PDB file of N, CA and C in Angstrom:
ATOM      1  N   MET A   1    -108.422 202.735-109.958  1.00  0.00           N
ATOM      2  CA  MET A   1    -108.668 201.812-110.040  1.00  0.00           C
ATOM      3  C   MET A   1    -108.570 200.706-108.455  1.00  0.00           C
ATOM      4  N   SER A   2    -109.144 199.276-108.395  1.00  0.00           N
ATOM      5  CA  SER A   2    -109.627 198.825-107.292  1.00  0.00           C
ATOM      6  C   SER A   2    -108.514 198.113-106.756  1.00  0.00           C
ATOM      7  N   HIS A   3    -108.829 197.451-106.338  1.00  0.00           N
ATOM      8  CA  HIS A   3    -107.174 195.912-104.844  1.00  0.00           C
ATOM      9  C   HIS A   3    -107.844 194.826-105.823  1.00  0.00           C
ATOM     10  N   SER A   4    -107.478 194.033-105.722  1.00  0.00           N
ATOM     11  CA  SER A   4    -107.512 192.803-106.530  1.00  0.00           C
ATOM     12  C   SER A   4    -108.242 191.805-105.958  1.00  0.00           C
ATOM     13  N   ALA A   5    -108.906 191.016-106.084  1.00  0.00           N
ATOM     14  CA  ALA A   5    -109.822 190.083-105.872  1.00  0.00           C
ATOM     15  C   ALA A   5    -109.405 188.522-106.221  1.00  0.00           C
ATOM     16  N   ASN A   6    -109.569 187.661-105.048  1.00  0.00           N
ATOM     17  CA  ASN A   6    -109.231 186.471-105.452  1.00  0.00           C
ATOM     18  C   ASN A   6    -110.046 185.750-105.919  1.00  0.00           C
ATOM     19  N   PHE A   7    -109.913 185.271-107.057  1.00  0.00           N
ATOM     20  CA  PHE A   7    -111.216 183.927-107.363  1.00  0.00           C
ATOM     21  C   PHE A   7    -110.876 183.236-108.396  1.00  0.00           C
ATOM     22  N   ASN A   8    -110.725 181.881-107.684  1.00  0.00           N
ATOM     23  CA  ASN A   8    -110.446 180.529-108.440  1.00  0.00           C
ATOM     24  C   ASN A   8    -111.267 180.195-109.196  1.00  0.00           C
ATOM     25  N   MET A   9    -110.609 179.740-110.868  1.00  0.00           N
ATOM     26  CA  MET A   9    -111.564 179.256-111.571  1.00  0.00           C
ATOM     27  C   MET A   9    -111.141 177.632-112.034  1.00  0.00           C
ATOM     28  N   ASN A  10    -112.252 176.845-112.672  1.00  0.00           N
ATOM     29  CA  ASN A  10    -111.750 175.659-113.295  1.00  0.00           C
ATOM     30  C   ASN A  10    -111.836 175.361-114.503  1.00  0.00           C
ATOM     31  N   ALA A  11    -111.193 174.671-115.289  1.00  0.00           N
ATOM     32  CA  ALA A  11    -111.565 174.529-116.711  1.00  0.00           C
ATOM     33  C   ALA A  11    -111.177 173.031-117.069  1.00  0.00           C
ATOM     34  N   ASN A  12    -111.030 172.804-117.901  1.00  0.00           N
ATOM     35  CA  ASN A  12    -111.344 170.801-118.250  1.00  0.00           C
ATOM     36  C   ASN A  12    -110.004 171.128-119.623  1.00  0.00           C
ATOM     37  N   GLN A  13    -109.048 169.723-119.273  1.00  0.00           N
ATOM     38  CA  GLN A  13    -108.277 169.848-120.501  1.00  0.00           C
ATOM     39  C   GLN A  13    -108.627 169.683-121.374  1.00  0.00           C
ATOM     40  N   GLY A  14    -107.988 170.306-122.855  1.00  0.00           N
ATOM     41  CA  GLY A  14    -108.644 169.909-124.150  1.00  0.00           C
ATOM     42  C   GLY A  14    -110.047 170.728-124.366  1.00  0.00           C
ATOM     43  N   ALA A  15    -110.528 171.350-123.714  1.00  0.00           N
ATOM     44  CA  ALA A  15    -111.849 172.106-124.169  1.00  0.00           C
ATOM     45  C   ALA A  15    -111.518 173.457-123.826  1.00  0.00           C
ATOM     46  N   ASP A  16    -112.350 174.177-124.622  1.00  0.00           N
ATOM     47  CA  ASP A  16    -112.456 175.622-124.543  1.00  0.00           C
ATOM     48  C   ASP A  16    -112.557 176.265-123.549  1.00  0.00           C
ATOM     49  N   PHE A  17    -111.958 177.414-122.942  1.00  0.00           N
ATOM     50  CA  PHE A  17    -112.385 178.278-121.365  1.00  0.00           C
ATOM     51  C   PHE A  17    -112.846 179.552-121.939  1.00  0.00           C
ATOM     52  N   ASN A  18    -113.806 180.128-121.292  1.00  0.00           N
ATOM     53  CA  ASN A  18    -114.256 180.887-121.324  1.00  0.00           C
ATOM     54  C   ASN A  18    -115.002 181.667-120.168  1.00  0.00           C
ATOM     55  N   ARG A  19    -114.474 182.354-119.294  1.00  0.00           N
ATOM     56  CA  ARG A  19    -114.981 183.430-118.388  1.00  0.00           C
ATOM     57  C   ARG A  19    -115.593 184.827-118.600  1.00  0.00           C
ATOM     58  N   LYS A  20    -116.644 185.000-118.248  1.00  0.00           N
ATOM     59  CA  LYS A  20    -116.980 186.544-118.152  1.00  0.00           C
ATOM     60  C   LYS A  20    -116.576 187.137-117.121  1.00  0.00           C
ATOM     61  N   PHE A  21    -116.554 188.752-117.080  1.00  0.00           N
ATOM     62  CA  PHE A  21    -116.401 189.579-115.989  1.00  0.00           C
ATOM     63  C   PHE A  21    -117.352 190.477-116.505  1.00  0.00           C
ATOM     64  N   LYS A  22    -117.494 191.470-115.389  1.00  0.00           N
ATOM     65  CA  LYS A  22    -117.675 192.592-115.807  1.00  0.00           C
ATOM     66  C   LYS A  22    -117.073 194.029-114.223  1.00  0.00           C
ATOM     67  N   LEU A  23    -116.312 194.597-114.861  1.00  0.00           N
ATOM     68  CA  LEU A  23    -115.605 195.592-113.817  1.00  0.00           C
ATOM     69  C   LEU A  23    -116.556 196.785-113.111  1.00  0.00           C
ATOM     70  N   LYS A  24    -116.764 196.838-112.067  1.00  0.00           N
ATOM     71  CA  LYS A  24    -117.630 198.222-112.208  1.00  0.00           C
ATOM     72  C   LYS A  24    -116.927 198.501-110.836  1.00  0.00           C
ATOM     73  N   ASP A  25    -117.092 200.157-110.352  1.00  0.00           N
ATOM     74  CA  ASP A  25    -116.550 200.893-109.374  1.00  0.00           C
ATOM     75  C   ASP A  25    -117.861 200.922-108.663  1.00  0.00           C
ATOM     76  N   GLY A  26    -117.375 201.644-107.546  1.00  0.00           N
ATOM     77  CA  GLY A  26    -118.411 202.394-106.985  1.00  0.00           C
ATOM     78  C   GLY A  26    -119.753 203.194-107.088  1.00  0.00           C
ATOM     79  N   THR A  27    -119.284 203.791-108.589  1.00  0.00           N
ATOM     80  CA  THR A  27    -120.890 204.260-108.843  1.00  0.00           C
ATOM     81  C   THR A  27    -121.239 203.647-110.304  1.00  0.00           C
ATOM     82  N   GLY A  28    -120.923 202.338-110.532  1.00  0.00           N
ATOM     83  CA  GLY A  28    -121.623 201.521-111.294  1.00  0.00           C
ATOM     84  C   GLY A  28    -120.481 200.983-112.468  1.00  0.00           C
ATOM     85  N   ASN A  29    -120.802 200.816-113.843  1.00  0.00           N
ATOM     86  CA  ASN A  29    -119.670 199.991-114.884  1.00  0.00           C
ATOM     87  C   ASN A  29    -118.862 201.275-114.642  1.00  0.00           C
ATOM     88  N   THR A  30    -117.229 199.882-115.322  1.00  0.00           N
ATOM     89  CA  THR A  30    -116.254 201.147-115.623  1.00  0.00           C
ATOM     90  C   THR A  30    -116.144 200.914-116.982  1.00  0.00           C
ATOM     91  N   ASP A  31    -116.024 202.102-117.619  1.00  0.00           N
ATOM     92  CA  ASP A  31    -115.403 201.897-119.137  1.00  0.00           C
ATOM     93  C   ASP A  31    -114.635 201.311-119.607  1.00  0.00           C
ATOM     94  N   ILE A  32    -114.019 200.621-119.909  1.00  0.00           N
ATOM     95  CA  ILE A  32    -112.740 200.040-120.209  1.00  0.00           C
ATOM     96  C   ILE A  32    -112.494 199.671-121.471  1.00  0.00           C
ATOM     97  N   THR A  33    -112.695 201.066-122.304  1.00  0.00           N
ATOM     98  CA  THR A  33    -112.245 201.241-123.544  1.00  0.00           C
ATOM     99  C   THR A  33    -111.159 201.224-124.056  1.00  0.00           C
ATOM    100  N   ASN A  34    -110.199 202.020-123.271  1.00  0.00           N
ATOM    101  CA  ASN A  34    -109.017 202.614-123.190  1.00  0.00           C
ATOM    102  C   ASN A  34    -107.862 201.527-122.307  1.00  0.00           C
ATOM    103  N   TYR A  35    -108.308 200.615-122.004  1.00  0.00           N
ATOM    104  CA  TYR A  35    -107.585 199.571-121.211  1.00  0.00           C
ATOM    105  C   TYR A  35    -107.219 198.597-122.051  1.00  0.00           C
ATOM    106  N   THR A  36    -106.157 197.835-121.919  1.00  0.00           N
ATOM    107  CA  THR A  36    -105.175 196.570-122.224  1.00  0.00           C
ATOM    108  C   THR A  36    -105.092 195.929-120.787  1.00  0.00           C
ATOM    109  N   PHE A  37    -105.044 194.623-121.442  1.00  0.00           N
ATOM    110  CA  PHE A  37    -105.287 193.710-119.871  1.00  0.00           C
ATOM    111  C   PHE A  37    -104.324 192.821-120.407  1.00  0.00           C
ATOM    112  N   THR A  38    -103.589 192.166-119.326  1.00  0.00           N
ATOM    113  CA  THR A  38    -102.631 190.921-119.351  1.00  0.00           C
ATOM    114  C   THR A  38    -102.248 189.768-118.470  1.00  0.00           C
ATOM    115  N   GLY A  39    -102.747 188.431-118.787  1.00  0.00           N
ATOM    116  CA  GLY A  39    -103.747 187.750-117.783  1.00  0.00           C
ATOM    117  C   GLY A  39    -102.591 186.402-118.168  1.00  0.00           C
ATOM    118  N   LYS A  40    -102.146 186.096-117.302  1.00  0.00           N
ATOM    119  CA  LYS A  40    -101.766 184.805-117.754  1.00  0.00           C
ATOM    120  C   LYS A  40    -101.369 183.588-116.670  1.00  0.00           C
ATOM    121  N   VAL A  41    -101.475 182.217-116.852  1.00  0.00           N
ATOM    122  CA  VAL A  41    -101.631 181.201-116.445  1.00  0.00           C
ATOM    123  C   VAL A  41    -100.040 180.535-116.255  1.00  0.00           C
ATOM    124  N   LYS A  42     -99.926 180.138-114.557  1.00  0.00           N
ATOM    125  CA  LYS A  42     -98.593 179.744-114.624  1.00  0.00           C
ATOM    126  C   LYS A  42     -98.319 178.405-113.557  1.00  0.00           C
ATOM    127  N   SER A  43     -97.637 177.780-113.467  1.00  0.00           N
ATOM    128  CA  SER A  43     -97.725 176.136-112.676  1.00  0.00           C
ATOM    129  C   SER A  43     -97.331 176.838-111.026  1.00  0.00           C
ATOM    130  N   HIS A  44     -96.256 177.904-111.014  1.00  0.00           N
ATOM    131  CA  HIS A  44     -96.284 178.624-109.871  1.00  0.00           C
ATOM    132  C   HIS A  44     -96.100 179.768-110.335  1.00  0.00           C
ATOM    133  N   HIS A  45     -95.751 181.049-109.398  1.00  0.00           N
ATOM    134  CA  HIS A  45     -95.738 182.452-109.750  1.00  0.00           C
ATOM    135  C   HIS A  45     -94.178 182.932-110.367  1.00  0.00           C
ATOM    136  N   THR A  46     -93.378 181.734-109.562  1.00  0.00           N
ATOM    137  CA  THR A  46     -91.898 182.286-110.425  1.00  0.00           C
ATOM    138  C   THR A  46     -91.411 181.230-111.415  1.00  0.00           C
ATOM    139  N   SER A  47     -92.394 180.714-111.646  1.00  0.00           N
ATOM    140  CA  SER A  47     -92.245 180.023-112.887  1.00  0.00           C
ATOM    141  C   SER A  47     -91.543 181.052-113.963  1.00  0.00           C
ATOM    142  N   SER A  48     -90.979 180.117-115.243  1.00  0.00           N
ATOM    143  CA  SER A  48     -90.775 180.992-116.567  1.00  0.00           C
ATOM    144  C   SER A  48     -91.632 180.661-117.569  1.00  0.00           C
ATOM    145  N   THR A  49     -92.327 179.865-117.312  1.00  0.00           N
ATOM    146  CA  THR A  49     -93.046 179.672-118.608  1.00  0.00           C
ATOM    147  C   THR A  49     -95.096 179.846-118.629  1.00  0.00           C
ATOM    148  N   SER A  50     -95.367 180.322-118.712  1.00  0.00           N
ATOM    149  CA  SER A  50     -96.637 180.778-118.667  1.00  0.00           C
ATOM    150  C   SER A  50     -97.404 180.446-120.334  1.00  0.00           C
ATOM    151  N   THR A  51     -98.823 180.690-119.666  1.00  0.00           N
ATOM    152  CA  THR A  51     -99.637 180.338-120.853  1.00  0.00           C
ATOM    153  C   THR A  51    -100.456 181.409-120.751  1.00  0.00           C
ATOM    154  N   ALA A  52    -100.770 182.195-121.905  1.00  0.00           N
ATOM    155  CA  ALA A  52    -101.740 183.507-122.130  1.00  0.00           C
ATOM    156  C   ALA A  52    -103.042 183.650-122.034  1.00  0.00           C
ATOM    157  N   PHE A  53    -104.242 184.177-121.257  1.00  0.00           N
ATOM    158  CA  PHE A  53    -105.193 184.414-121.822  1.00  0.00           C
ATOM    159  C   PHE A  53    -105.509 185.123-122.737  1.00  0.00           C
ATOM    160  N   THR A  54    -106.697 184.854-123.915  1.00  0.00           N
ATOM    161  CA  THR A  54    -106.476 186.106-124.243  1.00  0.00           C
ATOM    162  C   THR A  54    -108.355 186.313-124.012  1.00  0.00           C
ATOM    163  N   VAL A  55    -107.590 188.077-123.851  1.00  0.00           N
ATOM    164  CA  VAL A  55    -108.948 189.054-123.314  1.00  0.00           C
ATOM    165  C   VAL A  55    -109.880 189.586-124.314  1.00  0.00           C
ATOM    166  N   THR A  56    -111.332 189.346-124.089  1.00  0.00           N
ATOM    167  CA  THR A  56    -111.943 189.512-125.212  1.00  0.00           C
ATOM    168  C   THR A  56    -112.565 191.095-124.872  1.00  0.00           C
ATOM    169  N   LYS A  57    -112.833 192.236-124.698  1.00  0.00           N
ATOM    170  CA  LYS A  57    -114.135 192.964-124.597  1.00  0.00           C
ATOM    171  C   LYS A  57    -114.852 193.049-124.925  1.00  0.00           C
ATOM    172  N   THR A  58    -116.514 192.659-124.685  1.00  0.00           N
ATOM    173  CA  THR A  58    -117.138 191.926-125.308  1.00  0.00           C
ATOM    174  C   THR A  58    -118.434 193.610-125.015  1.00  0.00           C
ATOM    175  N   ASN A  59    -118.207 194.035-124.111  1.00  0.00           N
ATOM    176  CA  ASN A  59    -119.292 195.108-124.207  1.00  0.00           C
ATOM    177  C   ASN A  59    -118.324 196.610-123.216  1.00  0.00           C
ATOM    178  N   ALA A  60    -117.169 197.093-123.956  1.00  0.00           N
ATOM    179  CA  ALA A  60    -116.371 197.891-123.371  1.00  0.00           C
ATOM    180  C   ALA A  60    -116.963 198.793-122.244  1.00  0.00           C
ATOM    181  N   SER A  61    -117.922 199.897-123.067  1.00  0.00           N
ATOM    182  CA  SER A  61    -118.382 200.649-122.357  1.00  0.00           C
ATOM    183  C   SER A  61    -119.264 200.427-120.863  1.00  0.00           C
ATOM    184  N   HIS A  62    -119.419 199.185-121.062  1.00  0.00           N
ATOM    185  CA  HIS A  62    -120.321 198.430-119.384  1.00  0.00           C
ATOM    186  C   HIS A  62    -119.675 197.580-118.670  1.00  0.00           C
ATOM    187  N   GLY A  63    -118.173 197.842-119.136  1.00  0.00           N
ATOM    188  CA  GLY A  63    -117.323 197.425-118.228  1.00  0.00           C
ATOM    189  C   GLY A  63    -116.821 195.767-118.370  1.00  0.00           C
ATOM    190  N   GLU A  64    -117.609 195.002-119.856  1.00  0.00           N
ATOM    191  CA  GLU A  64    -117.514 193.228-119.340  1.00  0.00           C
ATOM    192  C   GLU A  64    -116.455 193.115-120.415  1.00  0.00           C
ATOM    193  N   PHE A  65    -115.804 191.904-120.372  1.00  0.00           N
ATOM    194  CA  PHE A  65    -114.728 191.216-120.926  1.00  0.00           C
ATOM    195  C   PHE A  65    -114.726 189.780-120.559  1.00  0.00           C
ATOM    196  N   THR A  66    -114.318 189.121-121.078  1.00  0.00           N
ATOM    197  CA  THR A  66    -114.063 187.459-121.143  1.00  0.00           C
ATOM    198  C   THR A  66    -112.288 187.077-121.083  1.00  0.00           C
ATOM    199  N   LEU A  67    -111.876 186.518-120.565  1.00  0.00           N
ATOM    200  CA  LEU A  67    -110.920 186.123-120.112  1.00  0.00           C
ATOM    201  C   LEU A  67    -111.160 184.324-121.290  1.00  0.00           C
ATOM    202  N   SER A  68    -110.029 183.735-122.072  1.00  0.00           N
ATOM    203  CA  SER A  68    -110.586 182.778-122.760  1.00  0.00           C
ATOM    204  C   SER A  68    -109.307 181.911-122.922  1.00  0.00           C
ATOM    205  N   LEU A  69    -109.125 180.706-122.956  1.00  0.00           N
ATOM    206  CA  LEU A  69    -107.921 179.621-123.747  1.00  0.00           C
ATOM    207  C   LEU A  69    -108.661 178.939-124.443  1.00  0.00           C
ATOM    208  N   THR A  70    -108.051 178.459-125.787  1.00  0.00           N
ATOM    209  CA  THR A  70    -108.718 177.623-126.525  1.00  0.00           C
ATOM    210  C   THR A  70    -108.486 176.153-126.017  1.00  0.00           C
ATOM    211  N   ASP A  71    -108.592 175.282-126.903  1.00  0.00           N
ATOM    212  CA  ASP A  71    -109.108 173.711-126.450  1.00  0.00           C
ATOM    213  C   ASP A  71    -107.443 173.351-126.431  1.00  0.00           C
ATOM    214  N   SER A  72    -106.890 173.929-127.460  1.00  0.00           N
ATOM    215  CA  SER A  72    -105.125 173.530-127.878  1.00  0.00           C
ATOM    216  C   SER A  72    -104.410 174.205-127.112  1.00  0.00           C
ATOM    217  N   GLU A  73    -104.866 175.097-126.230  1.00  0.00           N
ATOM    218  CA  GLU A  73    -103.839 175.579-125.174  1.00  0.00           C
ATOM    219  C   GLU A  73    -104.102 174.916-123.787  1.00  0.00           C
ATOM    220  N   THR A  74    -105.805 174.459-123.270  1.00  0.00           N
ATOM    221  CA  THR A  74    -106.027 173.635-122.157  1.00  0.00           C
ATOM    222  C   THR A  74    -105.177 172.128-122.271  1.00  0.00           C
ATOM    223  N   ALA A  75    -105.121 171.816-124.136  1.00  0.00           N
ATOM    224  CA  ALA A  75    -104.779 170.445-123.932  1.00  0.00           C
ATOM    225  C   ALA A  75    -103.530 170.142-123.627  1.00  0.00           C
ATOM    226  N   ALA A  76    -102.646 171.700-124.160  1.00  0.00           N
ATOM    227  CA  ALA A  76    -100.954 171.535-123.887  1.00  0.00           C
ATOM    228  C   ALA A  76    -100.516 171.761-122.453  1.00  0.00           C
ATOM    229  N   LEU A  77    -101.322 171.943-121.555  1.00  0.00           N
ATOM    230  CA  LEU A  77    -100.957 172.247-119.883  1.00  0.00           C
ATOM    231  C   LEU A  77    -101.320 170.896-119.593  1.00  0.00           C
ATOM    232  N   SER A  78    -100.657 170.316-118.284  1.00  0.00           N
ATOM    233  CA  SER A  78    -100.939 169.556-118.056  1.00  0.00           C
ATOM    234  C   SER A  78    -101.963 169.687-116.828  1.00  0.00           C
ATOM    235  N   ALA A  79    -102.529 168.377-116.258  1.00  0.00           N
ATOM    236  CA  ALA A  79    -103.593 168.325-115.399  1.00  0.00           C
ATOM    237  C   ALA A  79    -103.248 168.560-113.911  1.00  0.00           C
ATOM    238  N   GLY A  80    -104.167 169.818-113.245  1.00  0.00           N
ATOM    239  CA  GLY A  80    -103.678 170.106-112.713  1.00  0.00           C
ATOM    240  C   GLY A  80    -103.502 171.612-111.776  1.00  0.00           C
ATOM    241  N   THR A  81    -103.017 172.345-110.744  1.00  0.00           N
ATOM    242  CA  THR A  81    -103.460 173.207-110.110  1.00  0.00           C
ATOM    243  C   THR A  81    -102.288 174.430-110.240  1.00  0.00           C
ATOM    244  N   TYR A  82    -102.982 175.656-110.675  1.00  0.00           N
ATOM    245  CA  TYR A  82    -102.015 176.505-111.622  1.00  0.00           C
ATOM    246  C   TYR A  82    -102.181 177.797-110.741  1.00  0.00           C
ATOM    247  N   GLN A  83    -101.596 179.079-110.786  1.00  0.00           N
ATOM    248  CA  GLN A  83    -101.625 180.240-110.594  1.00  0.00           C
ATOM    249  C   GLN A  83    -102.120 181.110-111.484  1.00  0.00           C
ATOM    250  N   TYR A  84    -102.642 182.227-111.569  1.00  0.00           N
ATOM    251  CA  TYR A  84    -103.519 183.033-112.608  1.00  0.00           C
ATOM    252  C   TYR A  84    -103.266 184.573-112.312  1.00  0.00           C
ATOM    253  N   ASP A  85    -103.134 185.613-113.094  1.00  0.00           N
ATOM    254  CA  ASP A  85    -103.779 187.022-112.583  1.00  0.00           C
ATOM    255  C   ASP A  85    -104.104 187.722-113.571  1.00  0.00           C
ATOM    256  N   LEU A  86    -104.607 188.712-113.573  1.00  0.00           N
ATOM    257  CA  LEU A  86    -105.134 189.989-114.766  1.00  0.00           C
ATOM    258  C   LEU A  86    -105.100 191.322-114.552  1.00  0.00           C
ATOM    259  N   ILE A  87    -104.128 191.625-114.783  1.00  0.00           N
ATOM    260  CA  ILE A  87    -103.214 193.380-114.956  1.00  0.00           C
ATOM    261  C   ILE A  87    -104.194 193.911-116.054  1.00  0.00           C
ATOM    262  N   ALA A  88    -104.353 195.268-115.098  1.00  0.00           N
ATOM    263  CA  ALA A  88    -105.383 196.038-116.185  1.00  0.00           C
ATOM    264  C   ALA A  88    -104.450 196.889-115.957  1.00  0.00           C
ATOM    265  N   ASP A  89    -104.505 197.701-117.332  1.00  0.00           N
ATOM    266  CA  ASP A  89    -103.790 199.074-117.597  1.00  0.00           C
ATOM    267  C   ASP A  89    -104.921 200.043-118.254  1.00  0.00           C
ATOM    268  N   ASP A  90    -104.745 201.328-117.459  1.00  0.00           N
ATOM    269  CA  ASP A  90    -106.153 202.064-117.484  1.00  0.00           C
ATOM    270  C   ASP A  90    -105.953 203.413-119.346  1.00  0.00           C
ATOM    271  N   GLY A  91    -104.896 202.820-119.448  1.00  0.00           N
ATOM    272  CA  GLY A  91    -104.777 203.743-120.521  1.00  0.00           C
ATOM    273  C   GLY A  91    -103.881 205.218-120.307  1.00  0.00           C
ATOM    274  N   SER A  92    -104.102 205.224-118.649  1.00  0.00           N
ATOM    275  CA  SER A  92    -103.036 206.618-118.517  1.00  0.00           C
ATOM    276  C   SER A  92    -101.741 206.083-117.729  1.00  0.00           C
ATOM    277  N   GLY A  93    -101.603 204.518-117.648  1.00  0.00           N
ATOM    278  CA  GLY A  93     -99.984 204.459-117.511  1.00  0.00           C
ATOM    279  C   GLY A  93    -100.001 203.550-116.204  1.00  0.00           C
ATOM    280  N   GLU A  94    -101.622 203.428-115.174  1.00  0.00           N
ATOM    281  CA  GLU A  94    -101.719 203.029-113.885  1.00  0.00           C
ATOM    282  C   GLU A  94    -102.272 201.715-114.371  1.00  0.00           C
ATOM    283  N   LYS A  95    -101.067 200.572-113.509  1.00  0.00           N
ATOM    284  CA  LYS A  95    -101.502 199.307-113.599  1.00  0.00           C
ATOM    285  C   LYS A  95    -102.224 198.944-112.344  1.00  0.00           C
ATOM    286  N   ASP A  96    -103.183 198.192-112.146  1.00  0.00           N
ATOM    287  CA  ASP A  96    -103.491 197.432-111.237  1.00  0.00           C
ATOM    288  C   ASP A  96    -103.898 195.894-111.175  1.00  0.00           C
ATOM    289  N   THR A  97    -103.674 194.936-110.646  1.00  0.00           N
ATOM    290  CA  THR A  97    -103.733 193.682-110.480  1.00  0.00           C
ATOM    291  C   THR A  97    -105.468 193.664-110.157  1.00  0.00           C
ATOM    292  N   LEU A  98    -106.838 193.298-111.073  1.00  0.00           N
ATOM    293  CA  LEU A  98    -107.697 193.106-110.999  1.00  0.00           C
ATOM    294  C   LEU A  98    -108.216 191.863-109.843  1.00  0.00           C
ATOM    295  N   ILE A  99    -107.989 190.569-110.583  1.00  0.00           N
ATOM    296  CA  ILE A  99    -107.461 189.313-110.183  1.00  0.00           C
ATOM    297  C   ILE A  99    -107.032 188.367-109.843  1.00  0.00           C
ATOM    298  N   ARG A 100    -106.809 187.653-109.018  1.00  0.00           N
ATOM    299  CA  ARG A 100    -106.073 186.396-108.907  1.00  0.00           C
ATOM    300  C   ARG A 100    -106.833 185.209-108.070  1.00  0.00           C
ATOM    301  N   GLY A 101    -105.824 183.894-108.424  1.00  0.00           N
ATOM    302  CA  GLY A 101    -106.305 182.818-107.822  1.00  0.00           C
ATOM    303  C   GLY A 101    -105.580 181.457-108.235  1.00  0.00           C
ATOM    304  N   TYR A 102    -106.379 180.817-108.120  1.00  0.00           N
ATOM    305  CA  TYR A 102    -106.045 179.058-108.464  1.00  0.00           C
ATOM    306  C   TYR A 102    -106.641 178.937-109.870  1.00  0.00           C
ATOM    307  N   PHE A 103    -105.743 178.190-110.838  1.00  0.00           N
ATOM    308  CA  PHE A 103    -107.091 177.908-111.890  1.00  0.00           C
ATOM    309  C   PHE A 103    -106.460 176.711-111.757  1.00  0.00           C
ATOM    310  N   GLU A 104    -107.661 175.167-111.577  1.00  0.00           N
ATOM    311  CA  GLU A 104    -107.639 174.006-111.458  1.00  0.00           C
ATOM    312  C   GLU A 104    -107.958 173.971-112.929  1.00  0.00           C
ATOM    313  N   LEU A 105    -106.993 172.559-113.546  1.00  0.00           N
ATOM    314  CA  LEU A 105    -106.945 172.475-114.621  1.00  0.00           C
ATOM    315  C   LEU A 105    -107.442 171.008-114.487  1.00  0.00           C
ATOM    316  N   GLU A 106    -108.692 170.174-115.255  1.00  0.00           N
ATOM    317  CA  GLU A 106    -109.347 168.989-114.816  1.00  0.00           C
ATOM    318  C   GLU A 106    -108.519 167.764-115.909  1.00  0.00           C
ATOM    319  N   PRO A 107    -108.455 166.419-115.505  1.00  0.00           N
ATOM    320  CA  PRO A 107    -107.456 165.717-117.000  1.00  0.00           C
ATOM    321  C   PRO A 107    -109.007 165.958-117.807  1.00  0.00           C
ATOM    322  N   GLY A 108    -108.318 165.754-118.990  1.00  0.00           N
ATOM    323  CA  GLY A 108    -109.211 165.730-120.259  1.00  0.00           C
ATOM    324  C   GLY A 108    -109.777 164.492-120.048  1.00  0.00           C
ATOM    325  N   ILE A 109    -111.012 163.620-120.303  1.00  0.00           N
ATOM    326  CA  ILE A 109    -111.062 162.365-120.623  1.00  0.00           C
ATOM    327  C   ILE A 109    -111.581 161.901-121.839  1.00  0.00           C
ATOM    328  N   SER A 110    -112.342 162.578-122.715  1.00  0.00           N
ATOM    329  CA  SER A 110    -112.371 162.264-124.354  1.00  0.00           C
ATOM    330  C   SER A 110    -111.463 163.314-125.289  1.00  0.00           C
ATOM    331  N   GLN A 111    -111.090 163.241-124.650  1.00  0.00           N
ATOM    332  CA  GLN A 111    -110.010 164.235-125.992  1.00  0.00           C
ATOM    333  C   GLN A 111    -109.081 163.487-126.789  1.00  0.00           C
TER     334      GLN A 111
END
């Protein structure tokens, strides 16, 4: 697997959040059929509470997946800056942090 990439994301409080990704290696798309993913948003990396992303493989043989939070999940979070990461297990037991960064949740106006 690869080293983690830093990628900051923004979302709106009280709205659905969906972000598409494609995992590639040096030779092309990575087949993620046997992969499992764990991704969480926390106020700080040492925080004991977190909100888990739903990870959906949209085209596993081409390495495509989506990170999602529902409108209820973003509404339950206070507006502000959080930290997140996404860990992948390739099915052989090898785990790697794919992406990490800041997750900026903008206050909901119309919720």
